[in-house]
């Protein structure tokens, strides 16, 4: 399931419902991303605005999910990504994967987050006391995502 939404979500409720009743699931892995209250250089962040192109974003997330399912034997996946203005501490993203075995759950969850950070069409603006700043792609994120290109 893929959802792109402005509304907050209850990670506990989402995880409780995720893959429930599927007896083939032996492991579930999840990542919950939050808005930090600082930038990489230590500047305080009060909020972040995430923009996206409806339709294009969901299509790209579906392609990323399809690639994860091609690489690992997954029973289920969940991607929830928010957009709009979010305060420091707010939930941004929830990614969960379910598989018969833990290795596939761990690896596919990491893959989804790495590719989501670099390939999903979201644009971020950090709001600080010094002004607003567009968030640039980080070399570390690119190198993490690139390691999956070899597989």
N, C-alpha and C. Protein backbone atom coordinates (compact mmCIF):
# COMPACT_ATOMS: atom_id res chain seq x y z
N UNK A 1 0.84 -1.17 0.00
CA UNK A 1 0.00 0.00 0.00
C UNK A 1 0.89 1.24 0.00
N UNK A 2 0.51 2.21 -0.77
CA UNK A 2 1.23 3.48 -0.85
C UNK A 2 0.23 4.60 -0.62
N UNK A 3 0.59 5.51 0.31
CA UNK A 3 -0.25 6.68 0.55
C UNK A 3 0.64 7.92 0.65
N UNK A 4 0.26 8.96 -0.06
CA UNK A 4 0.91 10.26 0.04
C UNK A 4 -0.19 11.19 0.55
N UNK A 5 0.05 11.80 1.72
CA UNK A 5 -1.03 12.53 2.37
C UNK A 5 -0.50 13.69 3.20
N UNK A 6 -1.35 14.66 3.43
CA UNK A 6 -1.00 15.77 4.32
C UNK A 6 -1.26 15.39 5.78
N UNK A 7 -2.23 14.53 6.01
CA UNK A 7 -2.65 14.19 7.36
C UNK A 7 -1.59 13.34 8.07
N UNK A 8 -1.55 13.52 9.40
CA UNK A 8 -0.69 12.70 10.23
C UNK A 8 -1.22 11.26 10.24
N UNK A 9 -0.41 10.34 10.71
CA UNK A 9 -0.81 8.94 10.81
C UNK A 9 -0.37 8.41 12.16
N UNK A 10 -1.01 7.37 12.59
CA UNK A 10 -0.68 6.70 13.85
C UNK A 10 0.19 5.50 13.51
N UNK A 11 1.48 5.61 13.73
CA UNK A 11 2.42 4.55 13.34
C UNK A 11 2.08 3.23 14.03
N UNK A 12 1.69 3.28 15.28
CA UNK A 12 1.35 2.06 16.01
C UNK A 12 0.15 1.35 15.41
N UNK A 13 -0.88 2.12 15.08
CA UNK A 13 -2.09 1.54 14.47
C UNK A 13 -1.78 1.00 13.08
N UNK A 14 -0.98 1.74 12.32
CA UNK A 14 -0.61 1.28 10.97
C UNK A 14 0.16 -0.04 11.06
N UNK A 15 1.11 -0.11 12.00
CA UNK A 15 1.91 -1.32 12.13
C UNK A 15 1.07 -2.49 12.64
N UNK A 16 0.14 -2.21 13.55
CA UNK A 16 -0.72 -3.28 14.07
C UNK A 16 -1.57 -3.89 12.96
N UNK A 17 -2.03 -3.07 12.03
CA UNK A 17 -2.87 -3.56 10.93
C UNK A 17 -2.04 -4.19 9.81
N UNK A 18 -0.78 -3.78 9.71
CA UNK A 18 0.08 -4.22 8.62
C UNK A 18 0.34 -5.72 8.70
N UNK A 19 0.07 -6.40 7.62
CA UNK A 19 0.34 -7.83 7.47
C UNK A 19 -0.37 -8.70 8.51
N UNK A 20 -1.36 -8.15 9.21
CA UNK A 20 -2.06 -8.97 10.21
C UNK A 20 -2.87 -10.05 9.51
N UNK A 21 -2.89 -11.20 10.10
CA UNK A 21 -3.64 -12.32 9.55
C UNK A 21 -2.91 -13.10 8.48
N UNK A 22 -1.70 -12.68 8.12
CA UNK A 22 -0.93 -13.40 7.11
C UNK A 22 0.05 -14.32 7.83
N UNK A 23 -0.26 -15.59 7.89
CA UNK A 23 0.56 -16.57 8.60
C UNK A 23 1.91 -16.84 7.96
N UNK A 24 2.12 -16.37 6.74
CA UNK A 24 3.41 -16.58 6.07
C UNK A 24 4.45 -15.55 6.52
N UNK A 25 4.01 -14.50 7.22
CA UNK A 25 4.93 -13.45 7.66
C UNK A 25 5.69 -13.92 8.88
N UNK A 26 7.00 -13.91 8.78
CA UNK A 26 7.86 -14.28 9.90
C UNK A 26 8.63 -13.09 10.45
N UNK A 27 8.65 -11.99 9.68
CA UNK A 27 9.37 -10.80 10.13
C UNK A 27 8.82 -9.55 9.50
N UNK A 28 8.73 -8.51 10.30
CA UNK A 28 8.30 -7.19 9.84
C UNK A 28 9.38 -6.20 10.25
N UNK A 29 9.75 -5.35 9.34
CA UNK A 29 10.72 -4.29 9.63
C UNK A 29 10.08 -2.96 9.25
N UNK A 30 10.33 -1.94 10.05
CA UNK A 30 9.76 -0.63 9.74
C UNK A 30 10.76 0.48 10.02
N UNK A 31 10.55 1.58 9.31
CA UNK A 31 11.31 2.79 9.55
C UNK A 31 10.31 3.93 9.69
N UNK A 32 10.49 4.74 10.71
CA UNK A 32 9.65 5.90 10.94
C UNK A 32 10.55 7.12 10.91
N UNK A 33 10.30 8.03 9.96
CA UNK A 33 11.10 9.24 9.83
C UNK A 33 10.39 10.43 10.44
N UNK A 34 11.15 11.26 11.15
CA UNK A 34 10.63 12.44 11.83
C UNK A 34 11.34 13.70 11.36
N UNK A 35 10.70 14.85 11.51
CA UNK A 35 11.33 16.14 11.20
C UNK A 35 12.30 16.47 12.34
N UNK A 36 13.58 16.63 12.00
CA UNK A 36 14.58 17.03 13.00
C UNK A 36 14.43 18.52 13.31
N UNK A 37 14.92 18.92 14.48
CA UNK A 37 14.86 20.34 14.85
C UNK A 37 16.18 21.07 14.58
N UNK A 38 17.01 20.49 13.71
CA UNK A 38 18.26 21.13 13.33
C UNK A 38 18.65 20.72 11.92
N UNK A 39 19.43 21.57 11.26
CA UNK A 39 19.98 21.25 9.94
C UNK A 39 21.33 20.58 10.14
N UNK A 40 21.90 20.12 9.06
CA UNK A 40 23.20 19.46 9.12
C UNK A 40 24.29 20.31 9.73
N UNK A 41 24.18 21.62 9.59
CA UNK A 41 25.22 22.51 10.15
C UNK A 41 24.88 22.96 11.57
N UNK A 42 23.82 22.40 12.16
CA UNK A 42 23.45 22.74 13.53
C UNK A 42 22.43 23.84 13.67
N UNK A 43 22.05 24.51 12.57
CA UNK A 43 21.04 25.56 12.61
C UNK A 43 19.70 24.98 13.04
N UNK A 44 19.02 25.70 13.95
CA UNK A 44 17.73 25.23 14.44
C UNK A 44 16.65 25.31 13.36
N UNK A 45 15.84 24.25 13.27
CA UNK A 45 14.75 24.17 12.31
C UNK A 45 13.43 24.15 13.08
N UNK A 46 12.51 25.05 12.70
CA UNK A 46 11.20 25.07 13.36
C UNK A 46 10.17 24.23 12.62
N UNK A 47 10.35 24.11 11.31
CA UNK A 47 9.40 23.35 10.50
C UNK A 47 10.04 23.02 9.16
N UNK A 48 9.35 22.15 8.43
CA UNK A 48 9.79 21.78 7.08
C UNK A 48 8.54 21.69 6.21
N UNK A 49 8.65 22.16 4.99
CA UNK A 49 7.56 22.01 4.03
C UNK A 49 8.02 21.05 2.95
N UNK A 50 7.19 20.02 2.71
CA UNK A 50 7.47 19.04 1.66
C UNK A 50 6.48 19.26 0.53
N UNK A 51 7.01 19.42 -0.67
CA UNK A 51 6.19 19.57 -1.86
C UNK A 51 6.36 18.35 -2.74
N UNK A 52 5.35 18.08 -3.56
CA UNK A 52 5.43 16.95 -4.49
C UNK A 52 4.47 17.21 -5.65
N UNK A 53 4.60 16.38 -6.68
CA UNK A 53 3.68 16.42 -7.81
C UNK A 53 2.72 15.25 -7.68
N UNK A 54 1.45 15.51 -7.33
CA UNK A 54 0.48 14.41 -7.23
C UNK A 54 0.43 13.62 -8.54
N UNK A 55 0.31 12.34 -8.40
CA UNK A 55 0.30 11.46 -9.57
C UNK A 55 1.70 10.98 -9.89
N UNK A 56 2.61 11.91 -10.14
CA UNK A 56 3.99 11.54 -10.44
C UNK A 56 4.64 10.90 -9.21
N UNK A 57 4.39 11.45 -8.05
CA UNK A 57 4.99 10.93 -6.82
C UNK A 57 4.53 9.51 -6.56
N UNK A 58 3.24 9.27 -6.62
CA UNK A 58 2.71 7.94 -6.37
C UNK A 58 3.23 6.93 -7.39
N UNK A 59 3.35 7.37 -8.63
CA UNK A 59 3.86 6.49 -9.69
C UNK A 59 5.31 6.09 -9.41
N UNK A 60 6.12 7.04 -8.98
CA UNK A 60 7.52 6.73 -8.67
C UNK A 60 7.63 5.85 -7.44
N UNK A 61 6.81 6.10 -6.42
CA UNK A 61 6.82 5.24 -5.23
C UNK A 61 6.41 3.82 -5.60
N UNK A 62 5.45 3.69 -6.49
CA UNK A 62 5.02 2.36 -6.93
C UNK A 62 6.15 1.65 -7.67
N UNK A 63 6.92 2.38 -8.46
CA UNK A 63 8.05 1.77 -9.17
C UNK A 63 9.13 1.31 -8.19
N UNK A 64 9.37 2.09 -7.15
CA UNK A 64 10.35 1.72 -6.13
C UNK A 64 9.87 0.47 -5.39
N UNK A 65 8.59 0.45 -5.05
CA UNK A 65 8.02 -0.72 -4.37
C UNK A 65 8.11 -1.96 -5.26
N UNK A 66 7.81 -1.82 -6.54
CA UNK A 66 7.90 -2.94 -7.48
C UNK A 66 9.32 -3.49 -7.52
N UNK A 67 10.30 -2.60 -7.51
CA UNK A 67 11.70 -3.05 -7.53
C UNK A 67 12.04 -3.81 -6.25
N UNK A 68 11.54 -3.36 -5.11
CA UNK A 68 11.78 -4.09 -3.86
C UNK A 68 11.16 -5.48 -3.92
N UNK A 69 9.95 -5.57 -4.45
CA UNK A 69 9.29 -6.87 -4.56
C UNK A 69 10.01 -7.79 -5.55
N UNK A 70 10.67 -7.21 -6.55
CA UNK A 70 11.45 -8.01 -7.50
C UNK A 70 12.69 -8.60 -6.82
N UNK A 71 13.29 -7.84 -5.92
CA UNK A 71 14.54 -8.25 -5.30
C UNK A 71 14.37 -9.17 -4.10
N UNK A 72 13.26 -9.04 -3.37
CA UNK A 72 13.07 -9.81 -2.15
C UNK A 72 11.70 -10.47 -2.15
N UNK A 73 11.57 -11.63 -1.47
CA UNK A 73 10.28 -12.31 -1.38
C UNK A 73 9.42 -11.66 -0.28
N UNK A 74 8.71 -10.62 -0.65
CA UNK A 74 7.92 -9.85 0.32
C UNK A 74 6.47 -10.29 0.33
N UNK A 75 5.92 -10.37 1.50
CA UNK A 75 4.50 -10.65 1.68
C UNK A 75 3.68 -9.37 1.59
N UNK A 76 4.27 -8.25 2.06
CA UNK A 76 3.53 -6.99 2.06
C UNK A 76 4.51 -5.83 2.20
N UNK A 77 4.07 -4.67 1.76
CA UNK A 77 4.83 -3.43 1.94
C UNK A 77 3.86 -2.32 2.31
N UNK A 78 4.39 -1.30 2.96
CA UNK A 78 3.61 -0.12 3.31
C UNK A 78 4.52 1.09 3.20
N UNK A 79 4.07 2.08 2.45
CA UNK A 79 4.78 3.36 2.35
C UNK A 79 3.75 4.46 2.59
N UNK A 80 3.97 5.24 3.64
CA UNK A 80 3.15 6.43 3.89
C UNK A 80 4.11 7.61 3.94
N UNK A 81 3.87 8.60 3.10
CA UNK A 81 4.74 9.79 3.07
C UNK A 81 3.85 11.02 3.12
N UNK A 82 4.19 11.92 4.03
CA UNK A 82 3.40 13.15 4.18
C UNK A 82 3.96 14.26 3.31
N UNK A 83 3.11 15.25 3.06
CA UNK A 83 3.52 16.47 2.38
C UNK A 83 2.87 17.64 3.11
N UNK A 84 3.31 18.85 2.77
CA UNK A 84 2.80 20.05 3.43
C UNK A 84 3.77 20.52 4.50
N UNK A 85 3.30 21.44 5.32
CA UNK A 85 4.15 22.00 6.38
C UNK A 85 4.09 21.11 7.62
N UNK A 86 5.27 20.68 8.09
CA UNK A 86 5.40 19.81 9.25
C UNK A 86 6.31 20.47 10.27
N UNK A 87 5.92 20.42 11.53
CA UNK A 87 6.73 20.99 12.61
C UNK A 87 7.82 20.01 13.02
N UNK A 88 8.84 20.53 13.68
CA UNK A 88 9.89 19.67 14.23
C UNK A 88 9.25 18.62 15.13
N UNK A 89 9.67 17.37 14.95
CA UNK A 89 9.11 16.26 15.72
C UNK A 89 7.95 15.54 15.04
N UNK A 90 7.37 16.15 14.01
CA UNK A 90 6.26 15.50 13.29
C UNK A 90 6.75 14.30 12.49
N UNK A 91 5.85 13.35 12.29
CA UNK A 91 6.15 12.18 11.45
C UNK A 91 6.12 12.60 9.98
N UNK A 92 7.12 12.13 9.22
CA UNK A 92 7.19 12.39 7.78
C UNK A 92 6.84 11.14 7.00
N UNK A 93 7.48 10.03 7.35
CA UNK A 93 7.39 8.83 6.52
C UNK A 93 7.36 7.58 7.38
N UNK A 94 6.60 6.60 6.91
CA UNK A 94 6.58 5.27 7.50
C UNK A 94 6.76 4.28 6.36
N UNK A 95 7.77 3.44 6.48
CA UNK A 95 8.01 2.36 5.52
C UNK A 95 8.03 1.06 6.32
N UNK A 96 7.29 0.07 5.86
CA UNK A 96 7.30 -1.24 6.51
C UNK A 96 7.33 -2.33 5.44
N UNK A 97 8.03 -3.39 5.75
CA UNK A 97 8.08 -4.55 4.86
C UNK A 97 7.84 -5.81 5.69
N UNK A 98 7.21 -6.79 5.07
CA UNK A 98 6.93 -8.06 5.73
C UNK A 98 7.38 -9.19 4.81
N UNK A 99 8.04 -10.17 5.41
CA UNK A 99 8.54 -11.32 4.65
C UNK A 99 8.53 -12.54 5.56
N UNK A 100 8.73 -13.69 4.97
CA UNK A 100 8.84 -14.91 5.76
C UNK A 100 10.10 -14.90 6.62
N UNK A 101 11.13 -14.17 6.17
CA UNK A 101 12.42 -14.19 6.86
C UNK A 101 12.90 -12.78 7.15
N UNK A 102 13.61 -12.61 8.26
CA UNK A 102 14.03 -11.30 8.72
C UNK A 102 14.99 -10.60 7.77
N UNK A 103 15.92 -11.34 7.15
CA UNK A 103 16.88 -10.69 6.27
C UNK A 103 16.17 -9.94 5.14
N UNK A 104 15.20 -10.55 4.52
CA UNK A 104 14.46 -9.89 3.44
C UNK A 104 13.70 -8.68 3.97
N UNK A 105 13.13 -8.78 5.16
CA UNK A 105 12.41 -7.65 5.75
C UNK A 105 13.37 -6.49 6.02
N UNK A 106 14.50 -6.77 6.67
CA UNK A 106 15.48 -5.72 6.97
C UNK A 106 16.01 -5.08 5.70
N UNK A 107 16.51 -5.89 4.79
CA UNK A 107 17.16 -5.36 3.59
C UNK A 107 16.18 -4.57 2.71
N UNK A 108 14.98 -5.08 2.53
CA UNK A 108 14.02 -4.39 1.66
C UNK A 108 13.55 -3.08 2.28
N UNK A 109 13.42 -3.03 3.60
CA UNK A 109 13.03 -1.78 4.26
C UNK A 109 14.12 -0.73 4.05
N UNK A 110 15.36 -1.13 4.23
CA UNK A 110 16.49 -0.21 4.02
C UNK A 110 16.54 0.26 2.56
N UNK A 111 16.35 -0.68 1.64
CA UNK A 111 16.33 -0.34 0.22
C UNK A 111 15.24 0.69 -0.08
N UNK A 112 14.02 0.43 0.40
CA UNK A 112 12.92 1.36 0.14
C UNK A 112 13.23 2.76 0.64
N UNK A 113 13.78 2.87 1.85
CA UNK A 113 14.11 4.19 2.38
C UNK A 113 15.23 4.84 1.59
N UNK A 114 16.27 4.07 1.25
CA UNK A 114 17.38 4.65 0.49
C UNK A 114 16.91 5.18 -0.86
N UNK A 115 16.11 4.41 -1.56
CA UNK A 115 15.64 4.86 -2.88
C UNK A 115 14.57 5.94 -2.75
N UNK A 116 13.77 5.88 -1.71
CA UNK A 116 12.77 6.92 -1.50
C UNK A 116 13.46 8.27 -1.30
N UNK A 117 14.55 8.29 -0.51
CA UNK A 117 15.28 9.53 -0.25
C UNK A 117 15.88 10.14 -1.51
N UNK A 118 16.22 9.31 -2.50
CA UNK A 118 16.95 9.82 -3.66
C UNK A 118 16.15 9.81 -4.95
N UNK A 119 15.12 8.98 -5.05
CA UNK A 119 14.41 8.83 -6.33
C UNK A 119 12.96 9.32 -6.29
N UNK A 120 12.40 9.53 -5.11
CA UNK A 120 11.01 9.99 -5.03
C UNK A 120 10.97 11.51 -5.22
N UNK A 121 10.02 12.00 -6.01
CA UNK A 121 9.96 13.44 -6.30
C UNK A 121 9.29 14.25 -5.18
N UNK A 122 10.06 14.44 -4.10
CA UNK A 122 9.67 15.34 -3.02
C UNK A 122 10.71 16.44 -2.95
N UNK A 123 10.27 17.66 -2.65
CA UNK A 123 11.17 18.79 -2.47
C UNK A 123 10.92 19.36 -1.08
N UNK A 124 12.01 19.67 -0.37
CA UNK A 124 11.92 20.07 1.02
C UNK A 124 12.47 21.48 1.22
N UNK A 125 11.74 22.25 2.03
CA UNK A 125 12.18 23.57 2.46
C UNK A 125 12.26 23.55 3.98
N UNK A 126 13.42 23.86 4.53
CA UNK A 126 13.56 23.97 5.98
C UNK A 126 13.32 25.41 6.39
N UNK A 127 12.53 25.59 7.45
CA UNK A 127 12.20 26.92 7.96
C UNK A 127 13.00 27.15 9.24
N UNK A 128 13.84 28.19 9.22
CA UNK A 128 14.71 28.49 10.35
C UNK A 128 14.58 29.96 10.72
N UNK A 129 15.16 30.34 11.85
CA UNK A 129 15.16 31.75 12.24
C UNK A 129 15.99 32.59 11.28
N UNK A 130 16.91 31.96 10.56
CA UNK A 130 17.74 32.66 9.57
C UNK A 130 17.07 32.74 8.21
N UNK A 131 15.89 32.14 8.07
CA UNK A 131 15.18 32.15 6.80
C UNK A 131 14.90 30.75 6.30
N UNK A 132 14.30 30.69 5.13
CA UNK A 132 13.94 29.40 4.52
C UNK A 132 15.07 28.94 3.60
N UNK A 133 15.24 27.61 3.55
CA UNK A 133 16.31 27.05 2.73
C UNK A 133 15.84 25.75 2.09
N UNK A 134 16.01 25.65 0.76
CA UNK A 134 15.73 24.39 0.07
C UNK A 134 16.76 23.36 0.50
N UNK A 135 16.32 22.14 0.72
CA UNK A 135 17.22 21.06 1.12
C UNK A 135 17.81 20.45 -0.15
N UNK A 136 19.12 20.44 -0.21
CA UNK A 136 19.84 19.86 -1.35
C UNK A 136 20.03 18.37 -1.12
N UNK A 137 20.18 17.64 -2.20
CA UNK A 137 20.49 16.21 -2.10
C UNK A 137 21.83 16.05 -1.39
N UNK A 138 21.93 15.07 -0.52
CA UNK A 138 23.15 14.83 0.22
C UNK A 138 23.95 13.71 -0.45
N UNK A 139 25.24 13.92 -0.54
CA UNK A 139 26.12 12.92 -1.15
C UNK A 139 26.01 11.59 -0.43
N UNK A 140 25.86 11.62 0.90
CA UNK A 140 25.75 10.39 1.67
C UNK A 140 24.49 9.61 1.27
N UNK A 141 23.37 10.31 1.04
CA UNK A 141 22.14 9.64 0.61
C UNK A 141 22.33 9.01 -0.76
N UNK A 142 22.99 9.75 -1.65
CA UNK A 142 23.22 9.23 -3.00
C UNK A 142 24.10 7.98 -2.97
N UNK A 143 25.13 7.99 -2.13
CA UNK A 143 26.02 6.82 -2.09
C UNK A 143 25.32 5.63 -1.44
N UNK A 144 24.46 5.87 -0.45
CA UNK A 144 23.69 4.77 0.15
C UNK A 144 22.78 4.15 -0.90
N UNK A 145 22.07 4.97 -1.65
CA UNK A 145 21.16 4.47 -2.67
C UNK A 145 21.92 3.77 -3.80
N UNK A 146 23.11 4.28 -4.13
CA UNK A 146 23.88 3.70 -5.23
C UNK A 146 24.33 2.28 -4.93
N UNK A 147 24.51 1.94 -3.67
CA UNK A 147 24.95 0.58 -3.36
C UNK A 147 23.94 -0.45 -3.82
N UNK A 148 22.67 -0.07 -3.92
CA UNK A 148 21.63 -0.99 -4.37
C UNK A 148 21.63 -1.16 -5.89
N UNK A 149 22.28 -0.23 -6.61
CA UNK A 149 22.30 -0.32 -8.07
C UNK A 149 23.13 -1.52 -8.53
N UNK A 150 24.00 -2.00 -7.68
CA UNK A 150 24.87 -3.13 -8.04
C UNK A 150 24.11 -4.46 -7.96
N UNK A 151 23.04 -4.48 -7.22
CA UNK A 151 22.29 -5.74 -7.03
C UNK A 151 21.38 -6.04 -8.20
